[in-house]
C-alpha atoms as a PDB file:
ATOM      1  CA  MET A   1     142.368-166.980  39.290  1.00  0.00           C
ATOM      2  CA  LEU A   2     141.690-163.701  40.706  1.00  0.00           C
ATOM      3  CA  GLY A   3     144.119-162.214  38.401  1.00  0.00           C
ATOM      4  CA  LYS A   4     142.916-163.838  35.320  1.00  0.00           C
ATOM      5  CA  GLU A   5     139.491-162.865  35.958  1.00  0.00           C
ATOM      6  CA  ASN A   6     140.365-159.792  36.487  1.00  0.00           C
ATOM      7  CA  SER A   7     142.647-158.979  33.307  1.00  0.00           C
ATOM      8  CA  ARG A   8     139.627-160.712  31.518  1.00  0.00           C
ATOM      9  CA  SER A   9     136.627-158.317  32.514  1.00  0.00           C
ATOM     10  CA  TYR A  10     138.844-155.422  31.855  1.00  0.00           C
ATOM     11  CA  GLN A  11     139.437-156.866  28.377  1.00  0.00           C
ATOM     12  CA  GLU A  12     135.568-157.498  28.007  1.00  0.00           C
ATOM     13  CA  PHE A  13     135.399-153.658  28.902  1.00  0.00           C
ATOM     14  CA  ASN A  14     138.011-152.421  26.393  1.00  0.00           C
ATOM     15  CA  ASP A  15     136.299-154.222  23.806  1.00  0.00           C
ATOM     16  CA  ASP A  16     133.094-153.330  24.662  1.00  0.00           C
ATOM     17  CA  ASP A  17     134.457-149.674  24.416  1.00  0.00           C
ATOM     18  CA  ASN A  18     136.344-149.912  21.426  1.00  0.00           C
ATOM     19  CA  GLU A  19     132.992-151.647  19.345  1.00  0.00           C
ATOM     20  CA  ASP A  20     130.972-148.519  20.485  1.00  0.00           C
ATOM     21  CA  THR A  21     133.289-145.607  19.545  1.00  0.00           C
ATOM     22  CA  GLN A  22     134.973-147.793  16.433  1.00  0.00           C
ATOM     23  CA  SER A  23     132.064-148.791  15.125  1.00  0.00           C
ATOM     24  CA  PRO A  24     131.555-147.274  11.218  1.00  0.00           C
ATOM     25  CA  GLY A  25     128.109-146.642  11.706  1.00  0.00           C
ATOM     26  CA  PHE A  26     129.142-144.300  15.016  1.00  0.00           C
ATOM     27  CA  PHE A  27     130.435-141.461  12.809  1.00  0.00           C
ATOM     28  CA  ASP A  28     127.703-141.954  10.225  1.00  0.00           C
ATOM     29  CA  ASP A  29     124.810-141.157  12.909  1.00  0.00           C
ATOM     30  CA  ALA A  30     126.867-137.995  13.947  1.00  0.00           C
ATOM     31  CA  THR A  31     127.169-136.739  10.568  1.00  0.00           C
ATOM     32  CA  GLU A  32     123.312-137.518   9.754  1.00  0.00           C
ATOM     33  CA  ASP A  33     122.168-135.691  13.095  1.00  0.00           C
ATOM     34  CA  LEU A  34     124.438-132.342  11.724  1.00  0.00           C
ATOM     35  CA  ASN A  35     123.100-132.766   8.029  1.00  0.00           C
ATOM     36  CA  SER A  36     119.910-133.023   9.235  1.00  0.00           C
ATOM     37  CA  ASP A  37     120.001-130.281  11.273  1.00  0.00           C
ATOM     38  CA  GLU A  38     120.688-127.500   8.686  1.00  0.00           C
ATOM     39  CA  PRO A  39     117.494-128.094   7.034  1.00  0.00           C
ATOM     40  CA  THR A  40     115.125-127.299  10.178  1.00  0.00           C
ATOM     41  CA  ASP A  41     117.192-124.816  10.596  1.00  0.00           C
ATOM     42  CA  ARG A  42     116.437-122.972   7.318  1.00  0.00           C
ATOM     43  CA  VAL A  43     112.832-123.917   7.220  1.00  0.00           C
ATOM     44  CA  SER A  44     112.583-121.749  10.820  1.00  0.00           C
ATOM     45  CA  GLN A  45     114.251-118.814   9.228  1.00  0.00           C
ATOM     46  CA  GLU A  46     112.141-118.827   5.854  1.00  0.00           C
ATOM     47  CA  ASP A  47     108.914-119.391   8.687  1.00  0.00           C
ATOM     48  CA  ASP A  48     110.181-116.446  10.355  1.00  0.00           C
ATOM     49  CA  ILE A  49     110.988-114.485   7.020  1.00  0.00           C
ATOM     50  CA  ARG A  50     107.041-115.565   5.217  1.00  0.00           C
ATOM     51  CA  GLU A  51     105.767-114.453   9.481  1.00  0.00           C
ATOM     52  CA  ASN A  52     107.254-110.972   8.552  1.00  0.00           C
ATOM     53  CA  SER A  53     106.341-110.599   4.994  1.00  0.00           C
ATOM     54  CA  PRO A  54     102.811-111.007   4.450  1.00  0.00           C
ATOM     55  CA  PRO A  55     101.844-107.627   6.786  1.00  0.00           C
ATOM     56  CA  ILE A  56     104.365-105.916   4.790  1.00  0.00           C
ATOM     57  CA  ARG A  57     102.769-107.130   1.433  1.00  0.00           C
ATOM     58  CA  PHE A  58      98.956-106.834   2.747  1.00  0.00           C
ATOM     59  CA  SER A  59     100.299-103.315   3.958  1.00  0.00           C
ATOM     60  CA  LYS A  60     101.541-102.207   0.593  1.00  0.00           C
ATOM     61  CA  ALA A  61      98.267-103.573  -1.063  1.00  0.00           C
ATOM     62  CA  CYS A  62      95.995-101.707   1.313  1.00  0.00           C
ATOM     63  CA  LEU A  63      97.950 -98.235   0.720  1.00  0.00           C
ATOM     64  CA  LYS A  64      97.141 -98.999  -3.117  1.00  0.00           C
ATOM     65  CA  ASN A  65      93.779 -99.258  -2.831  1.00  0.00           C
ATOM     66  CA  PHE A  66      93.188 -96.296  -0.807  1.00  0.00           C
ATOM     67  CA  PHE A  67      94.779 -94.376  -2.774  1.00  0.00           C
ATOM     68  CA  THR A  68      93.310 -95.955  -6.102  1.00  0.00           C
ATOM     69  CA  VAL A  69      89.945 -94.937  -4.502  1.00  0.00           C
ATOM     70  CA  VAL A  70      90.531 -91.651  -3.377  1.00  0.00           C
ATOM     71  CA  LEU A  71      91.717 -91.063  -7.065  1.00  0.00           C
ATOM     72  CA  ILE A  72      88.841 -92.654  -8.313  1.00  0.00           C
ATOM     73  CA  PHE A  73      86.410 -90.352  -5.671  1.00  0.00           C
ATOM     74  CA  ILE A  74      88.228 -87.289  -7.073  1.00  0.00           C
ATOM     75  CA  TYR A  75      87.561 -88.389 -10.783  1.00  0.00           C
ATOM     76  CA  LEU A  76      83.871 -88.721 -10.081  1.00  0.00           C
ATOM     77  CA  LEU A  77      84.265 -85.494  -8.008  1.00  0.00           C
ATOM     78  CA  LEU A  78      85.327 -83.901 -11.554  1.00  0.00           C
ATOM     79  CA  THR A  79      82.902 -85.635 -13.539  1.00  0.00           C
ATOM     80  CA  GLY A  80      80.481 -84.159 -11.393  1.00  0.00           C
ATOM     81  CA  VAL A  81      81.723 -80.801 -11.476  1.00  0.00           C
ATOM     82  CA  ALA A  82      82.000 -80.980 -15.260  1.00  0.00           C
ATOM     83  CA  VAL A  83      78.524 -82.567 -16.221  1.00  0.00           C
ATOM     84  CA  PHE A  84      77.315 -79.376 -13.639  1.00  0.00           C
ATOM     85  CA  LEU A  85      79.414 -77.161 -15.939  1.00  0.00           C
ATOM     86  CA  ALA A  86      77.682 -77.885 -18.706  1.00  0.00           C
ATOM     87  CA  TYR A  87      74.596 -77.849 -17.721  1.00  0.00           C
ATOM     88  CA  GLN A  88      74.774 -74.308 -16.204  1.00  0.00           C
ATOM     89  CA  THR A  89      76.512 -73.923 -19.376  1.00  0.00           C
ATOM     90  CA  ILE A  90      73.286 -74.603 -21.584  1.00  0.00           C
ATOM     91  CA  SER A  91      70.834 -72.578 -19.285  1.00  0.00           C
ATOM     92  CA  ASP A  92      72.637 -69.594 -19.088  1.00  0.00           C
ATOM     93  CA  PHE A  93      72.780 -69.640 -23.162  1.00  0.00           C
ATOM     94  CA  LEU A  94      69.035 -70.369 -22.790  1.00  0.00           C
ATOM     95  CA  GLU A  95      68.331 -67.750 -20.291  1.00  0.00           C
ATOM     96  CA  ARG A  96      70.152 -64.944 -22.676  1.00  0.00           C
ATOM     97  CA  PHE A  97      69.075 -66.079 -25.675  1.00  0.00           C
ATOM     98  CA  HIS A  98      65.366 -65.701 -24.396  1.00  0.00           C
ATOM     99  CA  HIS A  99      65.824 -62.300 -22.534  1.00  0.00           C
ATOM    100  CA  PRO A 100      67.903 -59.763 -24.871  1.00  0.00           C
ATOM    101  CA  VAL A 101      69.646 -57.128 -23.129  1.00  0.00           C
ATOM    102  CA  MET A 102      68.924 -53.486 -23.935  1.00  0.00           C
ATOM    103  CA  SER A 103      71.602 -51.603 -24.925  1.00  0.00           C
ATOM    104  CA  VAL A 104      71.157 -47.692 -24.945  1.00  0.00           C
ATOM    105  CA  THR A 105      73.025 -44.953 -27.191  1.00  0.00           C
ATOM    106  CA  TYR A 106      72.713 -41.594 -28.058  1.00  0.00           C
ATOM    107  CA  LYS A 107      73.223 -39.956 -31.419  1.00  0.00           C
ATOM    108  CA  GLU A 108      73.831 -36.678 -31.670  1.00  0.00           C
ATOM    109  CA  VAL A 109      72.230 -34.627 -34.563  1.00  0.00           C
ATOM    110  CA  ASP A 110      71.908 -31.239 -35.788  1.00  0.00           C
ATOM    111  CA  SER A 111      68.129 -31.560 -36.759  1.00  0.00           C
ATOM    112  CA  PHE A 112      65.489 -33.942 -36.887  1.00  0.00           C
ATOM    113  CA  SER A 113      62.675 -34.961 -38.824  1.00  0.00           C
ATOM    114  CA  PRO A 114      59.547 -32.417 -38.312  1.00  0.00           C
ATOM    115  CA  PRO A 115      57.094 -34.312 -36.041  1.00  0.00           C
ATOM    116  CA  GLY A 116      53.429 -34.386 -36.436  1.00  0.00           C
ATOM    117  CA  ILE A 117      51.360 -33.058 -33.670  1.00  0.00           C
ATOM    118  CA  ALA A 118      47.976 -33.423 -33.612  1.00  0.00           C
ATOM    119  CA  LEU A 119      45.715 -31.246 -31.538  1.00  0.00           C
ATOM    120  CA  TYR A 120      41.329 -32.026 -31.120  1.00  0.00           C
ATOM    121  CA  PRO A 121      40.458 -28.615 -29.946  1.00  0.00           C
ATOM    122  CA  GLY A 122      36.742 -29.988 -30.118  1.00  0.00           C
ATOM    123  CA  LYS A 123      35.087 -26.915 -29.570  1.00  0.00           C
ATOM    124  CA  ALA A 124      38.096 -24.712 -29.293  1.00  0.00           C
ATOM    125  CA  GLN A 125      39.366 -22.424 -32.269  1.00  0.00           C
ATOM    126  CA  LEU A 126      43.057 -21.983 -32.756  1.00  0.00           C
ATOM    127  CA  LEU A 127      44.000 -18.501 -32.692  1.00  0.00           C
ATOM    128  CA  SER A 128      47.408 -17.949 -33.736  1.00  0.00           C
ATOM    129  CA  CYS A 129      50.779 -20.656 -34.687  1.00  0.00           C
ATOM    130  CA  ARG A 130      53.954 -19.585 -35.205  1.00  0.00           C
ATOM    131  CA  HIS A 131      57.668 -20.283 -34.890  1.00  0.00           C
ATOM    132  CA  HIS A 132      60.459 -18.787 -33.069  1.00  0.00           C
ATOM    133  CA  TYR A 133      63.835 -19.676 -31.889  1.00  0.00           C
ATOM    134  CA  HIS A 134      66.132 -19.691 -29.187  1.00  0.00           C
ATOM    135  CA  ASP A 135      63.685 -19.843 -26.409  1.00  0.00           C
ATOM    136  CA  TYR A 136      62.329 -16.697 -26.651  1.00  0.00           C
ATOM    137  CA  ILE A 137      58.601 -15.865 -26.976  1.00  0.00           C
ATOM    138  CA  PRO A 138      57.801 -12.308 -27.843  1.00  0.00           C
ATOM    139  CA  PRO A 139      55.245 -10.572 -25.712  1.00  0.00           C
ATOM    140  CA  LEU A 140      51.391 -11.210 -25.985  1.00  0.00           C
ATOM    141  CA  VAL A 141      49.613  -8.631 -28.096  1.00  0.00           C
ATOM    142  CA  ASP A 142      45.999  -8.770 -28.318  1.00  0.00           C
ATOM    143  CA  PRO A 143      45.349 -11.898 -27.024  1.00  0.00           C
ATOM    144  CA  GLY A 144      42.364 -14.017 -27.425  1.00  0.00           C
ATOM    145  CA  LYS A 145      42.331 -12.542 -30.901  1.00  0.00           C
ATOM    146  CA  HIS A 146      42.728 -13.990 -34.203  1.00  0.00           C
ATOM    147  CA  GLN A 147      46.856 -13.484 -35.623  1.00  0.00           C
ATOM    148  CA  GLU A 148      48.729 -14.435 -38.151  1.00  0.00           C
ATOM    149  CA  GLY A 149      50.843 -17.741 -38.457  1.00  0.00           C
ATOM    150  CA  ASP A 150      53.032 -19.395 -40.509  1.00  0.00           C
ATOM    151  CA  CYS A 151      52.823 -23.071 -39.576  1.00  0.00           C
ATOM    152  CA  VAL A 152      52.118 -25.992 -42.009  1.00  0.00           C
ATOM    153  CA  ILE A 153      48.457 -27.214 -41.169  1.00  0.00           C
ATOM    154  CA  ASN A 154      46.227 -30.182 -42.251  1.00  0.00           C
ATOM    155  CA  ASP A 155      43.109 -30.813 -40.696  1.00  0.00           C
ATOM    156  CA  VAL A 156      41.961 -33.989 -40.853  1.00  0.00           C
ATOM    157  CA  THR A 157      38.458 -35.968 -39.820  1.00  0.00           C
ATOM    158  CA  TYR A 158      38.564 -39.873 -39.418  1.00  0.00           C
ATOM    159  CA  PHE A 159      36.481 -42.509 -36.740  1.00  0.00           C
ATOM    160  CA  GLY A 160      38.072 -43.214 -34.207  1.00  0.00           C
ATOM    161  CA  PRO A 161      39.740 -46.754 -33.542  1.00  0.00           C
ATOM    162  CA  PHE A 162      38.274 -47.205 -30.406  1.00  0.00           C
ATOM    163  CA  THR A 163      34.930 -45.847 -30.968  1.00  0.00           C
ATOM    164  CA  ASN A 164      33.802 -46.215 -34.562  1.00  0.00           C
ATOM    165  CA  GLU A 165      30.702 -44.196 -34.254  1.00  0.00           C
ATOM    166  CA  THR A 166      32.610 -41.166 -32.875  1.00  0.00           C
ATOM    167  CA  GLU A 167      34.087 -38.777 -35.643  1.00  0.00           C
ATOM    168  CA  LYS A 168      36.885 -36.962 -34.289  1.00  0.00           C
ATOM    169  CA  ARG A 169      39.058 -33.470 -35.773  1.00  0.00           C
ATOM    170  CA  ALA A 170      42.426 -33.333 -35.697  1.00  0.00           C
ATOM    171  CA  LEU A 171      45.228 -30.144 -36.746  1.00  0.00           C
ATOM    172  CA  VAL A 172      48.016 -32.046 -37.483  1.00  0.00           C
ATOM    173  CA  VAL A 173      50.980 -29.134 -37.526  1.00  0.00           C
ATOM    174  CA  ARG A 174      54.375 -29.554 -38.413  1.00  0.00           C
ATOM    175  CA  GLY A 175      56.241 -29.478 -35.725  1.00  0.00           C
ATOM    176  CA  PRO A 176      59.787 -28.128 -35.188  1.00  0.00           C
ATOM    177  CA  SER A 177      63.087 -29.432 -36.875  1.00  0.00           C
ATOM    178  CA  ASP A 178      66.082 -27.059 -36.260  1.00  0.00           C
ATOM    179  CA  VAL A 179      67.088 -27.841 -32.458  1.00  0.00           C
ATOM    180  CA  ARG A 180      70.347 -26.247 -32.791  1.00  0.00           C
ATOM    181  CA  ASN A 181      68.679 -22.774 -33.090  1.00  0.00           C
ATOM    182  CA  LYS A 182      66.044 -24.087 -30.450  1.00  0.00           C
ATOM    183  CA  GLU A 183      63.429 -23.786 -32.658  1.00  0.00           C
ATOM    184  CA  LEU A 184      59.571 -24.032 -30.999  1.00  0.00           C
ATOM    185  CA  ILE A 185      56.004 -23.328 -31.898  1.00  0.00           C
ATOM    186  CA  PHE A 186      54.015 -21.475 -30.156  1.00  0.00           C
ATOM    187  CA  MET A 187      50.147 -21.602 -30.259  1.00  0.00           C
ATOM    188  CA  GLN A 188      47.049 -19.748 -28.770  1.00  0.00           C
ATOM    189  CA  PHE A 189      43.719 -21.833 -28.595  1.00  0.00           C
ATOM    190  CA  SER A 190      40.155 -20.193 -27.154  1.00  0.00           C
ATOM    191  CA  LEU A 191      37.384 -21.618 -25.899  1.00  0.00           C
ATOM    192  CA  ASN A 192      34.085 -19.645 -25.752  1.00  0.00           C
ATOM    193  CA  GLU A 193      31.733 -22.003 -24.030  1.00  0.00           C
ATOM    194  CA  THR A 194      32.017 -24.996 -22.388  1.00  0.00           C
ATOM    195  CA  GLU A 195      29.907 -27.803 -20.638  1.00  0.00           C
ATOM    196  CA  GLU A 196      32.513 -29.694 -19.137  1.00  0.00           C
ATOM    197  CA  ASP A 197      33.262 -30.046 -15.320  1.00  0.00           C
ATOM    198  CA  PHE A 198      37.357 -29.355 -16.205  1.00  0.00           C
ATOM    199  CA  SER A 199      38.562 -27.990 -19.213  1.00  0.00           C
ATOM    200  CA  ALA A 200      41.207 -29.217 -21.414  1.00  0.00           C
ATOM    201  CA  ILE A 201      42.641 -30.164 -25.689  1.00  0.00           C
ATOM    202  CA  SER A 202      44.197 -33.465 -26.665  1.00  0.00           C
ATOM    203  CA  TYR A 203      47.287 -33.666 -28.335  1.00  0.00           C
ATOM    204  CA  MET A 204      49.301 -36.504 -29.516  1.00  0.00           C
ATOM    205  CA  LEU A 205      52.866 -36.598 -31.129  1.00  0.00           C
ATOM    206  CA  PHE A 206      54.153 -38.773 -34.007  1.00  0.00           C
ATOM    207  CA  ALA A 207      57.708 -39.540 -35.695  1.00  0.00           C
ATOM    208  CA  ASN A 208      57.382 -38.010 -38.986  1.00  0.00           C
ATOM    209  CA  PHE A 209      54.974 -34.956 -39.992  1.00  0.00           C
ATOM    210  CA  SER A 210      55.711 -36.118 -44.217  1.00  0.00           C
ATOM    211  CA  ASP A 211      53.881 -40.119 -43.472  1.00  0.00           C
ATOM    212  CA  LEU A 212      50.831 -37.914 -43.302  1.00  0.00           C
ATOM    213  CA  THR A 213      51.151 -35.620 -46.077  1.00  0.00           C
ATOM    214  CA  GLU A 214      52.629 -39.291 -48.261  1.00  0.00           C
ATOM    215  CA  SER A 215      49.708 -41.376 -47.249  1.00  0.00           C
ATOM    216  CA  ALA A 216      47.420 -42.138 -49.472  1.00  0.00           C
ATOM    217  CA  ASN A 217      44.263 -42.206 -47.121  1.00  0.00           C
ATOM    218  CA  LYS A 218      44.624 -39.552 -43.748  1.00  0.00           C
ATOM    219  CA  SER A 219      42.390 -40.888 -42.241  1.00  0.00           C
ATOM    220  CA  ASP A 220      43.379 -44.386 -42.144  1.00  0.00           C
ATOM    221  CA  PHE A 221      46.767 -43.417 -40.895  1.00  0.00           C
ATOM    222  CA  MET A 222      45.306 -41.093 -38.137  1.00  0.00           C
ATOM    223  CA  ARG A 223      43.333 -44.478 -36.741  1.00  0.00           C
ATOM    224  CA  ASP A 224      46.561 -46.485 -36.722  1.00  0.00           C
ATOM    225  CA  CYS A 225      48.467 -43.254 -35.120  1.00  0.00           C
ATOM    226  CA  GLU A 226      45.855 -42.687 -31.940  1.00  0.00           C
ATOM    227  CA  SER A 227      45.748 -46.942 -31.545  1.00  0.00           C
ATOM    228  CA  ASN A 228      49.746 -46.900 -31.180  1.00  0.00           C
ATOM    229  CA  TYR A 229      50.533 -43.875 -29.805  1.00  0.00           C
ATOM    230  CA  SER A 230      49.663 -42.011 -26.468  1.00  0.00           C
ATOM    231  CA  MET A 231      47.936 -38.758 -25.701  1.00  0.00           C
ATOM    232  CA  TRP A 232      48.147 -35.795 -23.364  1.00  0.00           C
ATOM    233  CA  THR A 233      46.563 -32.772 -22.612  1.00  0.00           C
ATOM    234  CA  PHE A 234      47.653 -29.504 -21.436  1.00  0.00           C
ATOM    235  CA  SER A 235      44.744 -27.221 -19.598  1.00  0.00           C
ATOM    236  CA  GLY A 236      43.172 -23.853 -19.980  1.00  0.00           C
ATOM    237  CA  GLY A 237      44.355 -20.693 -18.013  1.00  0.00           C
ATOM    238  CA  PHE A 238      47.643 -21.765 -18.616  1.00  0.00           C
ATOM    239  CA  ARG A 239      50.687 -22.140 -20.796  1.00  0.00           C
ATOM    240  CA  THR A 240      52.241 -25.251 -20.992  1.00  0.00           C
ATOM    241  CA  TRP A 241      55.765 -25.981 -22.507  1.00  0.00           C
ATOM    242  CA  VAL A 242      56.686 -29.302 -23.918  1.00  0.00           C
ATOM    243  CA  LYS A 243      59.905 -30.489 -24.432  1.00  0.00           C
ATOM    244  CA  MET A 244      60.383 -33.276 -26.953  1.00  0.00           C
ATOM    245  CA  SER A 245      62.971 -36.287 -27.009  1.00  0.00           C
ATOM    246  CA  LEU A 246      62.432 -39.100 -29.513  1.00  0.00           C
ATOM    247  CA  VAL A 247      63.201 -42.998 -28.842  1.00  0.00           C
ATOM    248  CA  ARG A 248      63.797 -45.677 -31.323  1.00  0.00           C
ATOM    249  CA  THR A 249      63.742 -48.934 -29.711  1.00  0.00           C
ATOM    250  CA  SER A 250      64.527 -51.811 -31.969  1.00  0.00           C
ATOM    251  CA  GLY A 251      63.386 -54.944 -31.739  1.00  0.00           C
ATOM    252  CA  LYS A 252      64.071 -58.525 -32.655  1.00  0.00           C
ATOM    253  CA  ASN A 253      61.509 -57.938 -35.669  1.00  0.00           C
ATOM    254  CA  ASN A 254      60.578 -54.565 -36.172  1.00  0.00           C
ATOM    255  CA  GLU A 255      61.539 -51.004 -35.002  1.00  0.00           C
ATOM    256  CA  ALA A 256      59.467 -48.682 -32.866  1.00  0.00           C
ATOM    257  CA  VAL A 257      59.727 -44.912 -32.118  1.00  0.00           C
ATOM    258  CA  GLU A 258      58.501 -43.377 -28.817  1.00  0.00           C
ATOM    259  CA  PHE A 259      58.369 -39.753 -27.613  1.00  0.00           C
ATOM    260  CA  ARG A 260      59.257 -38.682 -23.986  1.00  0.00           C
ATOM    261  CA  GLN A 261      58.306 -35.408 -22.901  1.00  0.00           C
ATOM    262  CA  GLU A 262      58.600 -33.214 -20.242  1.00  0.00           C
ATOM    263  CA  SER A 263      56.204 -30.523 -19.632  1.00  0.00           C
ATOM    264  CA  ALA A 264      56.181 -27.302 -17.455  1.00  0.00           C
ATOM    265  CA  VAL A 265      53.216 -25.164 -16.688  1.00  0.00           C
ATOM    266  CA  VAL A 266      53.141 -21.348 -16.011  1.00  0.00           C
ATOM    267  CA  LYS A 267      50.139 -19.938 -14.691  1.00  0.00           C
ATOM    268  CA  PHE A 268      48.540 -17.067 -17.453  1.00  0.00           C
ATOM    269  CA  ASN A 269      47.772 -13.757 -16.182  1.00  0.00           C
ATOM    270  CA  ASP A 270      44.715 -12.513 -17.824  1.00  0.00           C
ATOM    271  CA  LYS A 271      44.818  -8.533 -18.236  1.00  0.00           C
ATOM    272  CA  ARG A 272      42.053  -8.649 -20.787  1.00  0.00           C
ATOM    273  CA  PRO A 273      38.793  -6.783 -19.470  1.00  0.00           C
ATOM    274  CA  ALA A 274      36.000  -8.166 -17.828  1.00  0.00           C
ATOM    275  CA  SER A 275      33.841  -9.038 -20.647  1.00  0.00           C
ATOM    276  CA  GLU A 276      36.240 -10.762 -22.856  1.00  0.00           C
ATOM    277  CA  LYS A 277      37.808 -13.017 -19.712  1.00  0.00           C
ATOM    278  CA  ASN A 278      34.455 -15.820 -20.664  1.00  0.00           C
ATOM    279  CA  ASN A 279      36.488 -17.205 -23.535  1.00  0.00           C
ATOM    280  CA  GLU A 280      39.470 -19.419 -21.953  1.00  0.00           C
ATOM    281  CA  LEU A 281      42.648 -19.289 -23.510  1.00  0.00           C
ATOM    282  CA  PHE A 282      45.111 -22.253 -23.860  1.00  0.00           C
ATOM    283  CA  PHE A 283      48.204 -21.693 -24.555  1.00  0.00           C
ATOM    284  CA  ALA A 284      51.147 -24.651 -26.106  1.00  0.00           C
ATOM    285  CA  VAL A 285      54.799 -24.553 -26.795  1.00  0.00           C
ATOM    286  CA  PHE A 286      56.496 -27.544 -28.542  1.00  0.00           C
ATOM    287  CA  GLU A 287      60.128 -27.685 -28.903  1.00  0.00           C
ATOM    288  CA  TRP A 288      63.157 -30.141 -29.035  1.00  0.00           C
ATOM    289  CA  ARG A 289      64.720 -30.911 -25.683  1.00  0.00           C
ATOM    290  CA  ASP A 290      68.279 -31.591 -26.551  1.00  0.00           C
ATOM    291  CA  PRO A 291      70.060 -32.590 -30.055  1.00  0.00           C
ATOM    292  CA  PHE A 292      70.487 -36.332 -29.239  1.00  0.00           C
ATOM    293  CA  MET A 293      68.585 -39.096 -30.502  1.00  0.00           C
ATOM    294  CA  GLN A 294      68.022 -41.932 -27.862  1.00  0.00           C
ATOM    295  CA  ASP A 295      68.447 -45.516 -29.759  1.00  0.00           C
ATOM    296  CA  ILE A 296      67.615 -48.420 -27.646  1.00  0.00           C
ATOM    297  CA  ARG A 297      68.595 -51.869 -29.025  1.00  0.00           C
ATOM    298  CA  LEU A 298      67.564 -55.578 -27.944  1.00  0.00           C
ATOM    299  CA  ILE A 299      71.475 -57.095 -27.786  1.00  0.00           C
ATOM    300  CA  VAL A 300      71.511 -61.158 -27.144  1.00  0.00           C
ATOM    301  CA  THR A 301      74.311 -61.203 -25.033  1.00  0.00           C
ATOM    302  CA  ALA A 302      74.646 -65.368 -25.230  1.00  0.00           C
ATOM    303  CA  ASN A 303      77.812 -66.470 -27.017  1.00  0.00           C
ATOM    304  CA  PRO A 304      77.440 -69.750 -28.854  1.00  0.00           C
ATOM    305  CA  TRP A 305      80.704 -70.012 -29.684  1.00  0.00           C
ATOM    306  CA  ASN A 306      81.687 -69.595 -26.328  1.00  0.00           C
ATOM    307  CA  SER A 307      79.432 -71.659 -24.719  1.00  0.00           C
ATOM    308  CA  VAL A 308      80.162 -74.314 -27.469  1.00  0.00           C
ATOM    309  CA  ALA A 309      84.141 -74.103 -26.333  1.00  0.00           C
ATOM    310  CA  ILE A 310      82.891 -74.411 -22.809  1.00  0.00           C
ATOM    311  CA  LEU A 311      81.108 -77.748 -23.909  1.00  0.00           C
ATOM    312  CA  CYS A 312      84.341 -79.227 -25.535  1.00  0.00           C
ATOM    313  CA  GLY A 313      86.628 -78.507 -22.804  1.00  0.00           C
ATOM    314  CA  VAL A 314      83.833 -80.170 -20.908  1.00  0.00           C
ATOM    315  CA  PHE A 315      83.392 -82.929 -22.805  1.00  0.00           C
ATOM    316  CA  MET A 316      87.160 -84.039 -23.511  1.00  0.00           C
ATOM    317  CA  ALA A 317      87.359 -83.373 -19.831  1.00  0.00           C
ATOM    318  CA  LEU A 318      84.617 -86.146 -19.437  1.00  0.00           C
ATOM    319  CA  PHE A 319      86.454 -88.379 -22.031  1.00  0.00           C
ATOM    320  CA  LYS A 320      89.713 -88.116 -20.153  1.00  0.00           C
ATOM    321  CA  ALA A 321      87.860 -88.899 -16.520  1.00  0.00           C
ATOM    322  CA  ALA A 322      86.260 -92.288 -18.252  1.00  0.00           C
ATOM    323  CA  ASN A 323      89.665 -93.180 -19.718  1.00  0.00           C
ATOM    324  CA  PHE A 324      91.276 -92.710 -16.209  1.00  0.00           C
ATOM    325  CA  ALA A 325      88.896 -94.990 -15.111  1.00  0.00           C
ATOM    326  CA  LYS A 326      89.005 -97.531 -17.801  1.00  0.00           C
ATOM    327  CA  LEU A 327      92.763 -97.805 -16.841  1.00  0.00           C
ATOM    328  CA  THR A 328      91.873 -97.784 -13.391  1.00  0.00           C
ATOM    329  CA  ILE A 329      89.230-100.806 -13.178  1.00  0.00           C
ATOM    330  CA  GLN A 330      91.721-102.690 -15.492  1.00  0.00           C
ATOM    331  CA  TRP A 331      94.789-102.145 -13.249  1.00  0.00           C
ATOM    332  CA  ILE A 332      92.642-103.072 -10.226  1.00  0.00           C
ATOM    333  CA  ILE A 333      91.633-105.893 -12.167  1.00  0.00           C
ATOM    334  CA  ARG A 334      95.184-106.784 -12.906  1.00  0.00           C
ATOM    335  CA  MET A 335      96.353-106.533  -9.126  1.00  0.00           C
ATOM    336  CA  ARG A 336      93.827-108.788  -8.178  1.00  0.00           C
ATOM    337  CA  LYS A 337      94.776-111.474 -10.284  1.00  0.00           C
ATOM    338  CA  ARG A 338      98.451-111.264  -9.095  1.00  0.00           C
ATOM    339  CA  HIS A 339      97.307-111.066  -5.658  1.00  0.00           C
ATOM    340  CA  LEU A 340      95.434-114.519  -5.786  1.00  0.00           C
ATOM    341  CA  ARG A 341      97.953-115.864  -8.129  1.00  0.00           C
ATOM    342  CA  ASN A 342     100.847-115.053  -6.199  1.00  0.00           C
ATOM    343  CA  LYS A 343      98.592-116.572  -2.961  1.00  0.00           C
ATOM    344  CA  ALA A 344      98.132-119.925  -4.623  1.00  0.00           C
ATOM    345  CA  ARG A 345     101.624-120.432  -5.207  1.00  0.00           C
ATOM    346  CA  GLU A 346     102.252-119.565  -1.893  1.00  0.00           C
ATOM    347  CA  LEU A 347      99.934-122.375  -0.655  1.00  0.00           C
ATOM    348  CA  ASN A 348     101.361-124.960  -3.429  1.00  0.00           C
ATOM    349  CA  GLN A 349     105.206-124.347  -1.827  1.00  0.00           C
ATOM    350  CA  ILE A 350     103.524-124.995   1.831  1.00  0.00           C
ATOM    351  CA  ASN A 351     101.800-127.879   0.652  1.00  0.00           C
END
C-alpha cells in the first residue's frame, strides 16, 4: 500500500512537471517575451537620440540667427555710412559752388597800357612833368620855376559823384608804359598860399588813359572813375616815389581792374633863398614796379561729374544693401517655417 502510494505521487509530480515544461504555450510565451524586449530597447535608443539631438539643433539655429543678426547690423551700418557720405558729398558740392576759390597767376609783359593819373592840385600849380628812364632823375635845375615838359595832359572839370554841388578840376596825365626800360614820370608842383593845416595833393589811378580820350563825355567818365577807384595823396616838401602794379580780378559776371602801389617818401632839401621858400614844392614820381601783371580769377572747384560718380556708387551700395536685407529676411522666414514644420512633425510622431 505504501509503495503504491509513493509511486503514484511520484508519477503525478512528473506529470505536473511534464505539463508545465512541455505545454505548447510555454515556448510561445518566452518568444513573445523576447520579441517584446526588442521594441523597448529600440524606443529607449530613439529617446536617447532625441534627448541628445535637440541641443545640437538648437545650438546650430542660434549660431545661424546670431550671424544673421550680425550681418544685418553690418549692412545697416554700411547703409548709414553710405547715406552720410551722400549727404556730405552734396553739402561739399554746394559749399564749393557758392564759395569759389581764388586763383592767382602772374603774366609777364613787355609794356603796359598807359594808365591815367588823375591829379587834383587844388590851388597848386604844375611846374613840370617829364619822362625819364632807367630809374634816373637828373638833378633839379631852378626848383620852383616853370620848366618844359613832355607829358600828355588833359584838363577835366566835373561835379563829384558824392557831392554834386562841388566842382572838381583834375589834371589827367598819360602814365608810363615801357616797363622794360623802367620808364617813369617826374612831376613838380608849387603851392603859394594855403589856408589848410596840412598841405597835400590827391591823385587817382585808372587802367587806360585812352578810355578818357575816347569817351564821349569826359566829365561823366571821371565821375564814374572817382566812384569806383581809390584816392591817394602825396605831401609837400617831400619827393613821393610811387611804384604801381596792376591787378585784374575776373568774377562770375564782370571783370575789375585794381591798382596796387608802393610809395617811398624822401625829404626835399630846399636850397632856395629864404624869400622863395614861401612857395611849398611837391614832387611825385610814378613808375611800374615790375613787368608782371597779376590776374586773379574765381574758380569753382566743385566738380559735378565727381559728385555724380560718388552718388552713383553710394546709391549702388544702398541698392545692394537693400537687396541683401530682402534676401536675408526671406531666408529667415524660410528657416522659421522649416523649424516650425520639423517641430510639428516631431510632435506628430510622439503622439
